[in-house]
Amino acid sequence: VEFQTALGQTLDLITTHEGAKDLSKYQLPV
């Protein structure tokens, strides 16, 4: 849970500063 929270915060930070268009680089394969 802690890891998922940290990951969520990191992705949110990336989305905020880099933009959603770059988020695909950081998404893990499902």
PDB file of N, CA and C in Angstrom:
ATOM      1  N   VAL A   1       0.848  -1.200   0.000  1.00  0.00           N
ATOM      2  CA  VAL A   1       0.000   0.000   0.000  1.00  0.00           C
ATOM      3  C   VAL A   1       0.884   1.250   0.000  1.00  0.00           C
ATOM      4  N   GLU A   2       1.925   1.218   0.803  1.00  0.00           N
ATOM      5  CA  GLU A   2       2.821   2.376   0.871  1.00  0.00           C
ATOM      6  C   GLU A   2       3.497   2.614  -0.469  1.00  0.00           C
ATOM      7  N   PHE A   3       3.890   1.509  -1.113  1.00  0.00           N
ATOM      8  CA  PHE A   3       4.532   1.627  -2.425  1.00  0.00           C
ATOM      9  C   PHE A   3       3.563   2.204  -3.440  1.00  0.00           C
ATOM     10  N   GLN A   4       2.325   1.723  -3.419  1.00  0.00           N
ATOM     11  CA  GLN A   4       1.322   2.200  -4.372  1.00  0.00           C
ATOM     12  C   GLN A   4       1.041   3.681  -4.143  1.00  0.00           C
ATOM     13  N   THR A   5       1.051   4.100  -2.878  1.00  0.00           N
ATOM     14  CA  THR A   5       0.816   5.503  -2.558  1.00  0.00           C
ATOM     15  C   THR A   5       1.963   6.367  -3.084  1.00  0.00           C
ATOM     16  N   ALA A   6       3.186   5.913  -2.846  1.00  0.00           N
ATOM     17  CA  ALA A   6       4.352   6.647  -3.321  1.00  0.00           C
ATOM     18  C   ALA A   6       4.357   6.705  -4.841  1.00  0.00           C
ATOM     19  N   LEU A   7       4.005   5.578  -5.469  1.00  0.00           N
ATOM     20  CA  LEU A   7       3.962   5.529  -6.926  1.00  0.00           C
ATOM     21  C   LEU A   7       2.901   6.483  -7.448  1.00  0.00           C
ATOM     22  N   GLY A   8       1.750   6.500  -6.802  1.00  0.00           N
ATOM     23  CA  GLY A   8       0.669   7.395  -7.208  1.00  0.00           C
ATOM     24  C   GLY A   8       1.086   8.858  -7.092  1.00  0.00           C
ATOM     25  N   GLN A   9       1.789   9.182  -6.019  1.00  0.00           N
ATOM     26  CA  GLN A   9       2.250  10.555  -5.827  1.00  0.00           C
ATOM     27  C   GLN A   9       3.281  10.925  -6.881  1.00  0.00           C
ATOM     28  N   THR A  10       4.146   9.969  -7.210  1.00  0.00           N
ATOM     29  CA  THR A  10       5.172  10.197  -8.225  1.00  0.00           C
ATOM     30  C   THR A  10       4.540  10.420  -9.589  1.00  0.00           C
ATOM     31  N   LEU A  11       3.574   9.565  -9.932  1.00  0.00           N
ATOM     32  CA  LEU A  11       2.894   9.708 -11.216  1.00  0.00           C
ATOM     33  C   LEU A  11       2.143  11.031 -11.273  1.00  0.00           C
ATOM     34  N   ASP A  12       1.559  11.429 -10.133  1.00  0.00           N
ATOM     35  CA  ASP A  12       0.849  12.700 -10.078  1.00  0.00           C
ATOM     36  C   ASP A  12       1.818  13.852 -10.297  1.00  0.00           C
ATOM     37  N   LEU A  13       3.005  13.730  -9.714  1.00  0.00           N
ATOM     38  CA  LEU A  13       4.025  14.763  -9.864  1.00  0.00           C
ATOM     39  C   LEU A  13       4.478  14.844 -11.314  1.00  0.00           C
ATOM     40  N   ILE A  14       4.685  13.673 -11.927  1.00  0.00           N
ATOM     41  CA  ILE A  14       5.088  13.617 -13.332  1.00  0.00           C
ATOM     42  C   ILE A  14       4.017  14.246 -14.211  1.00  0.00           C
ATOM     43  N   THR A  15       2.766  13.897 -13.939  1.00  0.00           N
ATOM     44  CA  THR A  15       1.657  14.412 -14.738  1.00  0.00           C
ATOM     45  C   THR A  15       1.561  15.927 -14.596  1.00  0.00           C
ATOM     46  N   THR A  16       1.841  16.426 -13.385  1.00  0.00           N
ATOM     47  CA  THR A  16       1.735  17.854 -13.130  1.00  0.00           C
ATOM     48  C   THR A  16       2.830  18.626 -13.860  1.00  0.00           C
ATOM     49  N   HIS A  17       4.054  18.109 -13.837  1.00  0.00           N
ATOM     50  CA  HIS A  17       5.192  18.861 -14.357  1.00  0.00           C
ATOM     51  C   HIS A  17       5.517  18.527 -15.808  1.00  0.00           C
ATOM     52  N   GLU A  18       5.266  17.295 -16.207  1.00  0.00           N
ATOM     53  CA  GLU A  18       5.637  16.865 -17.555  1.00  0.00           C
ATOM     54  C   GLU A  18       4.451  16.870 -18.502  1.00  0.00           C
ATOM     55  N   GLY A  19       3.266  16.726 -17.956  1.00  0.00           N
ATOM     56  CA  GLY A  19       2.071  16.676 -18.793  1.00  0.00           C
ATOM     57  C   GLY A  19       1.621  15.256 -19.031  1.00  0.00           C
ATOM     58  N   ALA A  20       0.329  15.081 -19.227  1.00  0.00           N
ATOM     59  CA  ALA A  20      -0.242  13.742 -19.383  1.00  0.00           C
ATOM     60  C   ALA A  20       0.293  13.048 -20.628  1.00  0.00           C
ATOM     61  N   LYS A  21       0.723  13.813 -21.620  1.00  0.00           N
ATOM     62  CA  LYS A  21       1.202  13.225 -22.872  1.00  0.00           C
ATOM     63  C   LYS A  21       2.472  12.411 -22.649  1.00  0.00           C
ATOM     64  N   ASP A  22       3.223  12.721 -21.588  1.00  0.00           N
ATOM     65  CA  ASP A  22       4.455  12.004 -21.302  1.00  0.00           C
ATOM     66  C   ASP A  22       4.244  10.866 -20.309  1.00  0.00           C
ATOM     67  N   LEU A  23       3.030  10.772 -19.765  1.00  0.00           N
ATOM     68  CA  LEU A  23       2.755   9.776 -18.738  1.00  0.00           C
ATOM     69  C   LEU A  23       2.918   8.362 -19.273  1.00  0.00           C
ATOM     70  N   SER A  24       2.667   8.174 -20.564  1.00  0.00           N
ATOM     71  CA  SER A  24       2.738   6.843 -21.171  1.00  0.00           C
ATOM     72  C   SER A  24       4.132   6.232 -21.031  1.00  0.00           C
ATOM     73  N   LYS A  25       5.164   7.074 -20.920  1.00  0.00           N
ATOM     74  CA  LYS A  25       6.524   6.566 -20.766  1.00  0.00           C
ATOM     75  C   LYS A  25       6.690   5.827 -19.438  1.00  0.00           C
ATOM     76  N   TYR A  26       5.941   6.262 -18.435  1.00  0.00           N
ATOM     77  CA  TYR A  26       6.141   5.769 -17.080  1.00  0.00           C
ATOM     78  C   TYR A  26       5.133   4.697 -16.690  1.00  0.00           C
ATOM     79  N   GLN A  27       4.144   4.445 -17.567  1.00  0.00           N
ATOM     80  CA  GLN A  27       3.144   3.429 -17.261  1.00  0.00           C
ATOM     81  C   GLN A  27       3.742   2.040 -17.412  1.00  0.00           C
ATOM     82  N   LEU A  28       3.501   1.179 -16.426  1.00  0.00           N
ATOM     83  CA  LEU A  28       3.975  -0.198 -16.489  1.00  0.00           C
ATOM     84  C   LEU A  28       3.021  -1.027 -17.331  1.00  0.00           C
ATOM     85  N   PRO A  29       3.553  -2.001 -18.066  1.00  0.00           N
ATOM     86  CA  PRO A  29       2.688  -2.888 -18.849  1.00  0.00           C
ATOM     87  C   PRO A  29       1.759  -3.662 -17.935  1.00  0.00           C
ATOM     88  N   VAL A  30       0.521  -3.813 -18.337  1.00  0.00           N
ATOM     89  CA  VAL A  30      -0.482  -4.450 -17.468  1.00  0.00           C
ATOM     90  C   VAL A  30      -0.445  -5.964 -17.651  1.00  0.00           C
TER      91      VAL A  30
END
